[in-house]
Amino acid sequence: MNSDSNERAADVIVVGAGNAAACAALSAREHGASVLMLEAAPRELRGGNSTFTGGMLRFAYNGPDDLRQVVPEMVEMDLSNVEFDTYTEGQFFDDMGRLTQYRCHPDLTEVMIKRSFDTARWMCQQGVRLQLTLGSHAFNVGGKFKFWGGLPCQIWGGGPGLVEALHKRLEQQGIPVLYETPAIDLLHDDRGVTGVRARRDGRTVELHARAVVLACGGFESNAEMRARYLGPNWDLAHVRGTAFNTGRGIQMALDIGAMPMGHWSGCHATEWDMNAPPFGDLSVGDSFQKHNYTFGIYLNARGERFLDEGADFHTYTYAKYGREVLNQPGQFAWQVFDQKVTHLLREDYRIRRMTKVQADTFEELVTKLEGVDAGRALATINAYNAAPRPDVPFDPNVRDGLATRGLPIEKSNWATRLDKPPYHAYGVSCGITFTFGGLKVDTEAAVQDTAGKRIPGLFGAGELVGGLYYHNYASGSGLMSGAVFGRIGGRSAALHAASLR
């Protein structure tokens, strides 16, 4: 594996070691290819953003019989108090269209959705375990659980469980992973892509292959690229996950003529503890997130609300509200709750490392909100509590229509008054997850050039696929798109490699 050798390292080289990369490697191996994976991170930090995810997995299903195929434990569970619905391909399409303002690429979106359930089953065959999301995406109301937001399943063990399961399968299949080996360039000639130039043990090496799959993330960990493409202050955002997603994979492909595609000024960005470290911390995982704003209100430095906290379920708004927080003075905000909803807040609100204040009165609470105009904050809370509301019951499992009237920014659902002390508030900033701009790939995951033609031997999957997300994002669809196009890309790469033998 030195720069003077043309010996082939493998039929297929996969750049990356997260969900999309592992699915690509396993799929290529299924189709007869020898595979080598390159991971920029050390082994203990492997997996890219997949390691930091909460493990939600969005797929189309037609009822509990489908779910039993991916959660076999359901057969032995007492589910008499659970109301199962459906999340059809049509509903998935509707969500993707609505959330992206109908900009998502129709062909790529169709592939992701139509192959989502089969891919979930395939992931289970690779050793990934799924479980029901009772308690986090189905609340107990009147003795009955009802799933909401299209997410009845999540991966057992979250992101670390996903990465562990996939890498165990990689080992079983004899697929090696070279750690601390970042790819820096693509090897290519008139035949197409023929391998990767990488850094290993302080030396530049050339690794030759018949096909390459890029599955090494977006540019969210690169402050310079964030400022260049996303705009002012994005270099100040916290990074929710890995420090190794620097956009190098995207740039490597652009350098040989790949077509950029997607929302390059857009990203998945959430509410993240204001005192979290600059990059993700595996000892905390994704628990710096604070997604239950739907049951409270936001206050910015001016002491004002600045968005509709109850516009929709958090699974449909959380990935765009990080941007709203970043746009506030000082790039922070506080989420405020009373005791009536404390039992609905996720475990993320009970970790040791978080920014929290509490008081028995709002007069005292607002003085504890660091950086906030206390007088204006108190007036905002009082106005919110005094606003008229319809006489409808609060129900966290549905868009309940419990809405304010007469405020500058209304709260459309779940607008209970904040009137049961002690009151508690959580300081949040913006945490970027992944960027939406990337490479143009076709439905077989082949990377295309600026003339709209395939670059022979080059395939893409995961965050660096452009065209799926614009403005917003549906929770759990990122892992699914990574798995779907990783699986497709691995197969396509193996078939391409076989055609050259």
Protein backbone atom coordinates (compact mmCIF):
# COMPACT_ATOMS: atom_id res chain seq x y z
CA MET A 1 0.00 0.00 0.00
CA ASN A 2 2.62 2.58 -1.00
CA SER A 3 2.61 5.29 -3.57
CA ASP A 4 4.92 3.33 -5.86
CA SER A 5 2.63 0.32 -6.14
CA ASN A 6 -0.26 -0.24 -8.50
CA GLU A 7 -1.36 -3.34 -6.65
CA ARG A 8 -5.10 -3.23 -6.06
CA ALA A 9 -6.11 -2.84 -2.39
CA ALA A 10 -9.62 -4.20 -3.03
CA ASP A 11 -12.35 -4.35 -5.65
CA VAL A 12 -14.23 -1.60 -3.78
CA ILE A 13 -12.93 1.05 -1.40
CA VAL A 14 -15.50 2.64 0.90
CA VAL A 15 -14.52 6.00 2.37
CA GLY A 16 -16.14 6.34 5.81
CA ALA A 17 -17.19 3.95 8.57
CA GLY A 18 -20.63 5.06 9.69
CA ASN A 19 -24.11 3.81 8.85
CA ALA A 20 -24.05 4.57 5.10
CA ALA A 21 -20.45 3.38 4.69
CA ALA A 22 -21.02 0.12 6.56
CA CYS A 23 -24.19 -0.60 4.58
CA ALA A 24 -22.29 0.07 1.36
CA ALA A 25 -19.44 -2.25 2.38
CA LEU A 26 -21.78 -5.06 3.44
CA SER A 27 -23.82 -4.72 0.26
CA ALA A 28 -20.71 -4.77 -1.95
CA ARG A 29 -19.52 -7.88 -0.13
CA GLU A 30 -22.94 -9.51 -0.64
CA HIS A 31 -22.47 -9.00 -4.35
CA GLY A 32 -19.09 -10.66 -4.51
CA ALA A 33 -16.65 -7.78 -4.16
CA SER A 34 -13.62 -7.57 -1.90
CA VAL A 35 -13.91 -4.43 0.19
CA LEU A 36 -11.62 -2.07 2.11
CA MET A 37 -12.93 0.74 4.35
CA LEU A 38 -11.07 3.94 5.24
CA GLU A 39 -11.92 5.81 8.44
CA ALA A 40 -10.37 9.18 9.30
CA ALA A 41 -11.09 8.78 13.01
CA PRO A 42 -9.37 6.46 15.47
CA ARG A 43 -11.22 3.26 16.29
CA GLU A 44 -12.73 4.60 19.53
CA LEU A 45 -14.33 7.49 17.61
CA ARG A 46 -15.36 5.52 14.54
CA GLY A 47 -18.70 5.82 12.81
CA GLY A 48 -18.98 9.53 12.04
CA ASN A 49 -22.27 11.13 12.99
CA SER A 50 -23.95 7.72 13.15
CA THR A 51 -22.31 7.15 16.54
CA PHE A 52 -23.88 10.32 17.92
CA THR A 53 -27.43 9.80 16.65
CA GLY A 54 -30.33 8.86 18.87
CA GLY A 55 -31.12 6.01 16.47
CA MET A 56 -34.54 6.99 15.14
CA LEU A 57 -35.32 5.13 11.90
CA ARG A 58 -38.11 6.33 9.62
CA PHE A 59 -39.65 3.87 7.18
CA ALA A 60 -43.00 3.21 5.57
CA TYR A 61 -45.18 0.52 7.13
CA ASN A 62 -48.81 -0.56 6.87
CA GLY A 63 -49.59 -1.60 10.42
CA PRO A 64 -48.40 -3.77 13.32
CA ASP A 65 -47.86 -6.84 11.13
CA ASP A 66 -45.12 -4.96 9.29
CA LEU A 67 -43.59 -3.76 12.55
CA ARG A 68 -43.42 -7.31 13.88
CA GLN A 69 -41.08 -8.16 11.01
CA VAL A 70 -38.48 -5.70 12.34
CA VAL A 71 -39.34 -5.88 16.05
CA PRO A 72 -39.90 -9.61 16.63
CA GLU A 73 -40.15 -9.00 20.41
CA MET A 74 -43.62 -7.54 19.76
CA VAL A 75 -44.99 -11.08 19.56
CA GLU A 76 -44.31 -11.54 23.28
CA MET A 77 -45.31 -8.03 24.41
CA ASP A 78 -48.67 -7.04 25.90
CA LEU A 79 -49.68 -4.27 23.51
CA SER A 80 -53.36 -4.08 24.43
CA ASN A 81 -52.89 -0.47 25.56
CA VAL A 82 -51.06 0.59 22.37
CA GLU A 83 -52.85 2.12 19.40
CA PHE A 84 -50.97 1.29 16.21
CA ASP A 85 -51.48 3.40 13.12
CA THR A 86 -49.86 3.27 9.71
CA TYR A 87 -47.14 5.32 8.07
CA THR A 88 -47.66 4.60 4.41
CA GLU A 89 -45.42 5.45 1.51
CA GLY A 90 -47.91 8.20 0.68
CA GLN A 91 -47.61 9.70 4.15
CA PHE A 92 -43.83 9.55 3.91
CA PHE A 93 -43.97 11.32 0.53
CA ASP A 94 -46.30 13.97 1.94
CA ASP A 95 -43.94 14.65 4.86
CA MET A 96 -40.87 14.91 2.65
CA GLY A 97 -42.64 17.26 0.27
CA ARG A 98 -44.15 19.47 2.95
CA LEU A 99 -40.98 19.78 4.99
CA THR A 100 -38.67 20.54 2.06
CA GLN A 101 -41.13 22.97 0.45
CA TYR A 102 -41.52 20.38 -2.32
CA ARG A 103 -37.93 20.76 -3.46
CA CYS A 104 -36.71 17.25 -2.59
CA HIS A 105 -35.52 15.39 -5.67
CA PRO A 106 -38.50 13.26 -6.76
CA ASP A 107 -36.53 10.25 -8.03
CA LEU A 108 -34.15 10.04 -5.07
CA THR A 109 -37.01 10.57 -2.63
CA GLU A 110 -39.04 7.82 -4.29
CA VAL A 111 -36.13 5.39 -4.07
CA MET A 112 -35.57 6.17 -0.38
CA ILE A 113 -39.24 5.77 0.53
CA LYS A 114 -40.10 2.74 -1.57
CA ARG A 115 -37.03 0.85 -0.36
CA SER A 116 -37.26 1.99 3.25
CA PHE A 117 -39.14 -0.95 4.77
CA ASP A 118 -37.14 -3.58 2.90
CA THR A 119 -33.93 -1.80 3.94
CA ALA A 120 -35.05 -1.80 7.58
CA ARG A 121 -35.53 -5.57 7.34
CA TRP A 122 -32.13 -5.93 5.67
CA MET A 123 -30.48 -3.92 8.46
CA CYS A 124 -32.01 -6.31 10.99
CA GLN A 125 -30.50 -9.19 9.02
CA GLN A 126 -27.12 -7.50 9.48
CA GLY A 127 -27.57 -7.63 13.24
CA VAL A 128 -29.18 -4.24 13.92
CA ARG A 129 -31.97 -4.47 16.52
CA LEU A 130 -35.04 -2.22 16.59
CA GLN A 131 -37.37 -1.42 19.47
CA LEU A 132 -40.66 0.45 19.88
CA THR A 133 -40.49 4.12 20.86
CA LEU A 134 -43.06 3.90 23.65
CA GLY A 135 -42.65 6.87 25.97
CA SER A 136 -40.66 9.02 23.57
CA HIS A 137 -42.86 8.98 20.45
CA ALA A 138 -46.03 7.60 22.03
CA PHE A 139 -47.28 9.17 25.28
CA ASN A 140 -49.64 7.46 27.71
CA VAL A 141 -52.87 9.47 27.62
CA GLY A 142 -55.92 8.02 29.35
CA GLY A 143 -54.17 4.66 29.70
CA LYS A 144 -53.49 4.40 25.97
CA PHE A 145 -50.28 4.87 23.98
CA LYS A 146 -50.62 6.39 20.51
CA PHE A 147 -47.65 6.74 18.17
CA TRP A 148 -47.16 10.13 16.53
CA GLY A 149 -44.73 11.63 14.01
CA GLY A 150 -44.24 8.47 11.92
CA LEU A 151 -41.59 7.01 14.22
CA PRO A 152 -42.67 3.85 16.06
CA CYS A 153 -39.16 2.33 15.99
CA GLN A 154 -35.65 3.23 16.98
CA ILE A 155 -32.37 1.36 16.97
CA TRP A 156 -31.52 -0.54 20.14
CA GLY A 157 -28.63 1.24 21.82
CA GLY A 158 -29.00 4.35 19.67
CA GLY A 159 -26.11 5.41 17.47
CA PRO A 160 -23.44 3.47 19.39
CA GLY A 161 -25.60 0.33 19.18
CA LEU A 162 -26.01 0.81 15.43
CA VAL A 163 -22.30 1.26 14.79
CA GLU A 164 -21.38 -1.65 17.04
CA ALA A 165 -23.85 -3.98 15.29
CA LEU A 166 -22.73 -3.01 11.79
CA HIS A 167 -19.03 -3.26 12.61
CA LYS A 168 -19.55 -6.65 14.19
CA ARG A 169 -21.08 -7.74 10.90
CA LEU A 170 -18.17 -6.20 8.96
CA GLU A 171 -15.75 -8.28 11.03
CA GLN A 172 -17.80 -11.41 10.40
CA GLN A 173 -17.61 -10.69 6.66
CA GLY A 174 -13.85 -10.16 6.81
CA ILE A 175 -14.04 -6.52 5.72
CA PRO A 176 -11.03 -4.58 7.05
CA VAL A 177 -11.22 -0.98 8.29
CA LEU A 178 -8.10 1.20 8.19
CA TYR A 179 -8.45 3.71 11.05
CA GLU A 180 -6.77 7.12 11.17
CA THR A 181 -6.53 6.92 7.40
CA PRO A 182 -8.25 9.97 5.90
CA ALA A 183 -8.77 10.00 2.15
CA ILE A 184 -7.38 13.16 0.58
CA ASP A 185 -7.85 12.66 -3.19
CA LEU A 186 -9.41 10.37 -5.74
CA LEU A 187 -7.23 8.50 -8.18
CA HIS A 188 -8.69 8.78 -11.66
CA ASP A 189 -7.84 8.64 -15.33
CA ASP A 190 -9.73 8.38 -18.59
CA ARG A 191 -11.31 5.13 -17.40
CA GLY A 192 -12.81 6.82 -14.33
CA VAL A 193 -12.01 6.51 -10.64
CA THR A 194 -9.35 3.92 -9.87
CA GLY A 195 -8.77 4.38 -6.14
CA VAL A 196 -7.96 6.80 -3.36
CA ARG A 197 -4.95 8.75 -2.17
CA ALA A 198 -4.88 8.75 1.64
CA ARG A 199 -2.71 9.60 4.64
CA ARG A 200 -1.60 6.67 6.78
CA ASP A 201 1.01 6.64 9.52
CA GLY A 202 2.17 10.08 8.43
CA ARG A 203 2.70 9.01 4.81
CA THR A 204 0.76 9.53 1.62
CA VAL A 205 -0.36 6.21 0.14
CA GLU A 206 -2.22 5.27 -3.02
CA LEU A 207 -4.86 2.58 -2.65
CA HIS A 208 -6.07 1.19 -5.95
CA ALA A 209 -9.54 -0.27 -6.57
CA ARG A 210 -12.05 -0.84 -9.33
CA ALA A 211 -14.68 1.36 -7.62
CA VAL A 212 -14.96 3.84 -4.75
CA VAL A 213 -17.98 4.64 -2.58
CA LEU A 214 -17.82 8.00 -0.81
CA ALA A 215 -19.81 7.86 2.44
CA CYS A 216 -17.84 10.18 4.70
CA GLY A 217 -20.34 12.87 5.68
CA GLY A 218 -20.99 16.51 4.89
CA PHE A 219 -19.00 19.62 5.83
CA GLU A 220 -20.63 20.35 9.20
CA SER A 221 -17.36 19.96 11.13
CA ASN A 222 -15.56 22.51 8.96
CA ALA A 223 -16.04 26.03 10.38
CA GLU A 224 -14.66 27.68 7.24
CA MET A 225 -17.04 25.82 4.92
CA ARG A 226 -19.98 26.48 7.26
CA ALA A 227 -19.31 30.22 7.15
CA ARG A 228 -18.72 30.12 3.39
CA TYR A 229 -21.86 28.22 2.46
CA LEU A 230 -24.32 28.56 5.35
CA GLY A 231 -23.56 32.20 6.14
CA PRO A 232 -22.58 34.52 9.01
CA ASN A 233 -22.32 33.08 12.54
CA TRP A 234 -22.48 29.47 11.40
CA ASP A 235 -18.82 29.19 12.32
CA LEU A 236 -20.03 29.77 15.92
CA ALA A 237 -22.43 26.83 15.96
CA HIS A 238 -21.78 23.77 18.10
CA VAL A 239 -21.25 20.53 16.17
CA ARG A 240 -23.51 17.80 17.52
CA GLY A 241 -21.39 14.94 16.27
CA THR A 242 -17.99 14.01 14.94
CA ALA A 243 -15.08 16.37 14.35
CA PHE A 244 -14.07 14.39 11.26
CA ASN A 245 -16.84 15.36 8.79
CA THR A 246 -14.88 18.16 7.15
CA GLY A 247 -16.35 17.96 3.66
CA ARG A 248 -13.24 16.34 2.18
CA GLY A 249 -15.21 13.60 0.43
CA ILE A 250 -17.40 16.16 -1.31
CA GLN A 251 -14.40 18.26 -2.32
CA MET A 252 -12.53 15.23 -3.68
CA ALA A 253 -15.41 14.53 -6.04
CA LEU A 254 -15.87 18.18 -7.05
CA ASP A 255 -12.17 18.34 -7.89
CA ILE A 256 -12.62 15.72 -10.62
CA GLY A 257 -15.75 17.30 -12.08
CA ALA A 258 -18.67 16.03 -9.98
CA MET A 259 -21.85 18.06 -10.02
CA PRO A 260 -22.80 19.81 -6.76
CA MET A 261 -26.46 19.41 -5.82
CA GLY A 262 -28.86 20.30 -3.06
CA HIS A 263 -29.35 23.07 -0.53
CA TRP A 264 -25.79 24.24 0.07
CA SER A 265 -26.93 27.04 2.38
CA GLY A 266 -29.13 24.65 4.38
CA CYS A 267 -28.49 22.18 7.17
CA HIS A 268 -29.99 20.07 9.93
CA ALA A 269 -29.55 22.15 13.09
CA THR A 270 -31.20 21.65 16.47
CA GLU A 271 -31.44 23.12 19.95
CA TRP A 272 -28.29 22.11 21.85
CA ASP A 273 -27.15 22.92 25.36
CA MET A 274 -25.52 26.36 25.32
CA ASN A 275 -22.52 25.11 27.33
CA ALA A 276 -21.91 21.91 25.35
CA PRO A 277 -18.39 21.39 23.94
CA PRO A 278 -17.56 22.50 20.37
CA PHE A 279 -17.94 18.92 19.05
CA GLY A 280 -19.91 15.90 20.19
CA ASP A 281 -18.97 14.08 23.40
CA LEU A 282 -19.52 10.33 23.25
CA SER A 283 -19.96 10.19 27.04
CA VAL A 284 -23.13 12.26 26.56
CA GLY A 285 -24.08 11.25 23.02
CA ASP A 286 -27.08 13.15 21.69
CA SER A 287 -28.39 14.09 25.16
CA PHE A 288 -27.29 17.73 24.89
CA GLN A 289 -30.35 18.08 22.63
CA LYS A 290 -33.49 19.73 24.02
CA HIS A 291 -36.46 18.90 21.77
CA ASN A 292 -39.53 19.25 24.03
CA TYR A 293 -40.00 22.97 23.42
CA THR A 294 -43.45 22.04 22.07
CA PHE A 295 -44.67 21.88 25.70
CA GLY A 296 -43.21 25.24 26.80
CA ILE A 297 -42.10 28.57 25.37
CA TYR A 298 -38.86 30.09 24.09
CA LEU A 299 -37.34 33.37 25.30
CA ASN A 300 -34.45 35.14 23.58
CA ALA A 301 -32.03 37.75 24.98
CA ARG A 302 -34.67 40.46 24.51
CA GLY A 303 -37.07 38.43 26.63
CA GLU A 304 -39.31 37.76 23.64
CA ARG A 305 -40.77 34.67 22.02
CA PHE A 306 -39.54 34.32 18.44
CA LEU A 307 -41.25 31.25 16.94
CA ASP A 308 -44.33 29.05 17.18
CA GLU A 309 -43.25 26.31 19.57
CA GLY A 310 -46.38 24.27 18.78
CA ALA A 311 -46.38 24.51 15.00
CA ASP A 312 -46.01 20.72 14.67
CA PHE A 313 -44.56 17.68 16.44
CA HIS A 314 -40.91 18.26 17.25
CA THR A 315 -39.90 15.52 14.79
CA TYR A 316 -40.96 17.90 12.00
CA THR A 317 -39.55 21.18 13.37
CA TYR A 318 -36.50 20.46 15.54
CA ALA A 319 -34.06 20.30 12.61
CA LYS A 320 -34.90 23.85 11.48
CA TYR A 321 -35.32 25.54 14.86
CA GLY A 322 -31.58 25.41 15.57
CA ARG A 323 -31.20 27.98 12.81
CA GLU A 324 -33.84 30.15 14.49
CA VAL A 325 -31.89 30.03 17.76
CA LEU A 326 -28.65 30.92 15.96
CA ASN A 327 -30.40 33.97 14.47
CA GLN A 328 -31.24 35.37 17.93
CA PRO A 329 -29.12 38.00 19.70
CA GLY A 330 -26.14 36.23 21.22
CA GLN A 331 -27.06 33.00 19.39
CA PHE A 332 -28.91 31.52 22.39
CA ALA A 333 -32.36 31.13 23.93
CA TRP A 334 -34.08 29.64 27.00
CA GLN A 335 -36.85 27.02 27.00
CA VAL A 336 -39.32 27.57 29.86
CA PHE A 337 -41.68 24.93 31.36
CA ASP A 338 -43.92 24.39 34.36
CA GLN A 339 -44.50 21.22 36.38
CA LYS A 340 -47.60 20.09 34.44
CA VAL A 341 -45.42 18.89 31.55
CA THR A 342 -42.30 17.75 33.41
CA HIS A 343 -43.26 14.09 33.04
CA LEU A 344 -43.38 14.50 29.26
CA LEU A 345 -39.82 15.80 28.93
CA ARG A 346 -37.27 13.38 27.55
CA GLU A 347 -34.35 12.03 29.55
CA ASP A 348 -32.21 14.68 27.86
CA TYR A 349 -33.70 17.15 30.36
CA ARG A 350 -32.41 15.13 33.31
CA ILE A 351 -28.75 14.61 32.52
CA ARG A 352 -26.07 15.98 34.85
CA ARG A 353 -24.35 18.18 32.26
CA MET A 354 -26.90 20.78 31.27
CA THR A 355 -27.71 24.46 31.67
CA LYS A 356 -30.79 24.67 33.89
CA VAL A 357 -32.35 27.17 36.31
CA GLN A 358 -35.42 26.77 38.52
CA ALA A 359 -37.60 29.00 40.73
CA ASP A 360 -40.98 29.03 42.48
CA THR A 361 -42.04 32.30 40.82
CA PHE A 362 -41.50 33.79 37.42
CA GLU A 363 -40.29 37.00 39.07
CA GLU A 364 -37.38 35.00 40.44
CA LEU A 365 -36.91 32.75 37.39
CA VAL A 366 -36.37 35.58 34.90
CA THR A 367 -33.52 36.98 37.02
CA LYS A 368 -31.73 33.64 36.62
CA LEU A 369 -31.95 33.57 32.81
CA GLU A 370 -28.42 34.61 31.95
CA GLY A 371 -28.23 37.24 29.23
CA VAL A 372 -31.99 37.89 29.13
CA ASP A 373 -33.90 41.17 29.66
CA ALA A 374 -35.70 40.08 32.85
CA GLY A 375 -38.44 42.72 32.75
CA ARG A 376 -39.38 42.00 29.18
CA ALA A 377 -39.23 38.24 29.79
CA LEU A 378 -41.69 38.53 32.68
CA ALA A 379 -44.06 40.59 30.53
CA THR A 380 -43.83 37.99 27.74
CA ILE A 381 -44.65 35.12 30.10
CA ASN A 382 -47.57 37.01 31.61
CA ALA A 383 -48.95 37.87 28.15
CA TYR A 384 -48.64 34.25 27.07
CA ASN A 385 -50.51 33.04 30.14
CA ALA A 386 -53.23 35.68 29.74
CA ALA A 387 -53.89 34.96 26.06
CA PRO A 388 -57.32 33.42 25.30
CA ARG A 389 -57.43 29.72 24.37
CA PRO A 390 -60.15 27.40 23.10
CA ASP A 391 -61.72 25.03 25.60
CA VAL A 392 -60.06 21.87 24.27
CA PRO A 393 -58.11 19.25 26.23
CA PHE A 394 -54.32 19.12 26.12
CA ASP A 395 -53.19 15.98 24.27
CA PRO A 396 -49.48 15.48 23.46
CA ASN A 397 -50.23 12.60 21.06
CA VAL A 398 -52.09 14.76 18.52
CA ARG A 399 -52.03 18.30 17.19
CA ASP A 400 -54.60 19.24 19.80
CA GLY A 401 -55.54 22.74 18.61
CA LEU A 402 -54.98 24.19 22.07
CA ALA A 403 -53.75 27.50 20.67
CA THR A 404 -53.26 31.06 21.88
CA ARG A 405 -55.13 34.03 20.43
CA GLY A 406 -54.00 37.63 20.15
CA LEU A 407 -50.24 37.27 20.60
CA PRO A 408 -47.62 38.62 18.15
CA ILE A 409 -46.56 35.01 17.58
CA GLU A 410 -49.26 32.47 18.34
CA LYS A 411 -48.64 29.00 19.70
CA SER A 412 -50.67 26.65 17.50
CA ASN A 413 -50.87 23.53 19.69
CA TRP A 414 -50.15 22.37 23.25
CA ALA A 415 -50.43 25.95 24.58
CA THR A 416 -51.12 25.12 28.23
CA ARG A 417 -50.65 28.00 30.64
CA LEU A 418 -47.44 28.05 32.64
CA ASP A 419 -49.01 28.15 36.08
CA LYS A 420 -47.76 25.21 38.15
CA PRO A 421 -44.47 25.87 39.98
CA PRO A 422 -41.65 25.28 40.37
CA TYR A 423 -40.79 26.62 36.95
CA HIS A 424 -37.68 25.46 35.11
CA ALA A 425 -35.74 26.75 32.10
CA TYR A 426 -32.96 25.34 29.91
CA GLY A 427 -30.33 27.34 28.04
CA VAL A 428 -29.84 26.29 24.43
CA SER A 429 -27.80 27.30 21.43
CA CYS A 430 -27.54 25.90 17.91
CA GLY A 431 -26.14 22.43 17.28
CA ILE A 432 -25.48 21.53 13.65
CA THR A 433 -25.97 17.88 12.70
CA PHE A 434 -25.29 17.70 8.98
CA THR A 435 -25.29 19.87 5.88
CA PHE A 436 -27.80 19.52 3.04
CA GLY A 437 -25.54 20.40 0.09
CA GLY A 438 -23.62 17.60 -1.56
CA LEU A 439 -23.07 15.63 -4.73
CA LYS A 440 -25.48 14.73 -7.49
CA VAL A 441 -26.08 10.99 -7.62
CA ASP A 442 -28.56 9.00 -9.66
CA THR A 443 -30.95 6.33 -8.43
CA GLU A 444 -28.14 3.75 -8.53
CA ALA A 445 -25.99 6.00 -6.29
CA ALA A 446 -23.57 6.74 -9.14
CA VAL A 447 -21.98 10.20 -8.85
CA GLN A 448 -22.66 12.37 -11.89
CA ASP A 449 -20.44 15.01 -13.47
CA THR A 450 -21.35 18.54 -14.51
CA ALA A 451 -22.50 17.22 -17.89
CA GLY A 452 -24.99 14.90 -16.22
CA LYS A 453 -23.01 11.75 -16.98
CA ARG A 454 -21.84 9.12 -14.52
CA ILE A 455 -18.25 9.31 -13.32
CA PRO A 456 -17.22 5.67 -13.88
CA GLY A 457 -16.32 3.89 -10.67
CA LEU A 458 -17.54 6.59 -8.26
CA PHE A 459 -20.59 6.21 -6.01
CA GLY A 460 -21.99 8.21 -3.10
CA ALA A 461 -24.16 7.64 -0.02
CA GLY A 462 -25.09 9.26 3.26
CA GLU A 463 -24.90 12.93 4.17
CA LEU A 464 -22.93 13.87 1.05
CA VAL A 465 -25.85 12.97 -1.24
CA GLY A 466 -27.42 16.26 -2.28
CA GLY A 467 -31.03 16.86 -3.23
CA LEU A 468 -33.01 15.08 -0.50
CA TYR A 469 -33.31 17.87 2.07
CA TYR A 470 -34.13 21.54 1.74
CA HIS A 471 -34.93 23.92 4.62
CA ASN A 472 -36.06 21.15 6.95
CA TYR A 473 -35.85 17.46 7.75
CA ALA A 474 -37.99 14.60 9.06
CA SER A 475 -36.47 12.88 12.10
CA GLY A 476 -35.14 9.40 11.37
CA SER A 477 -34.96 9.83 7.61
CA GLY A 478 -31.22 10.52 7.60
CA LEU A 479 -30.27 7.07 8.86
CA MET A 480 -32.74 5.58 6.42
CA SER A 481 -31.43 7.49 3.40
CA GLY A 482 -27.88 6.55 4.40
CA ALA A 483 -28.81 2.88 4.65
CA VAL A 484 -30.84 2.85 1.41
CA PHE A 485 -28.24 4.59 -0.75
CA GLY A 486 -25.37 2.87 1.04
CA ARG A 487 -26.91 -0.49 0.18
CA ILE A 488 -27.54 0.62 -3.40
CA GLY A 489 -24.09 2.19 -3.77
CA GLY A 490 -22.35 -0.92 -2.50
CA ARG A 491 -24.22 -3.10 -4.97
CA SER A 492 -23.55 -0.69 -7.85
CA ALA A 493 -19.86 -0.51 -6.98
CA ALA A 494 -19.58 -4.32 -6.83
CA LEU A 495 -21.29 -4.70 -10.20
CA HIS A 496 -19.04 -2.06 -11.74
CA ALA A 497 -15.97 -3.80 -10.32
CA ALA A 498 -17.18 -7.15 -11.71
CA SER A 499 -17.61 -5.62 -15.17
CA LEU A 500 -13.89 -4.72 -15.22
CA ARG A 501 -12.58 -8.17 -14.35
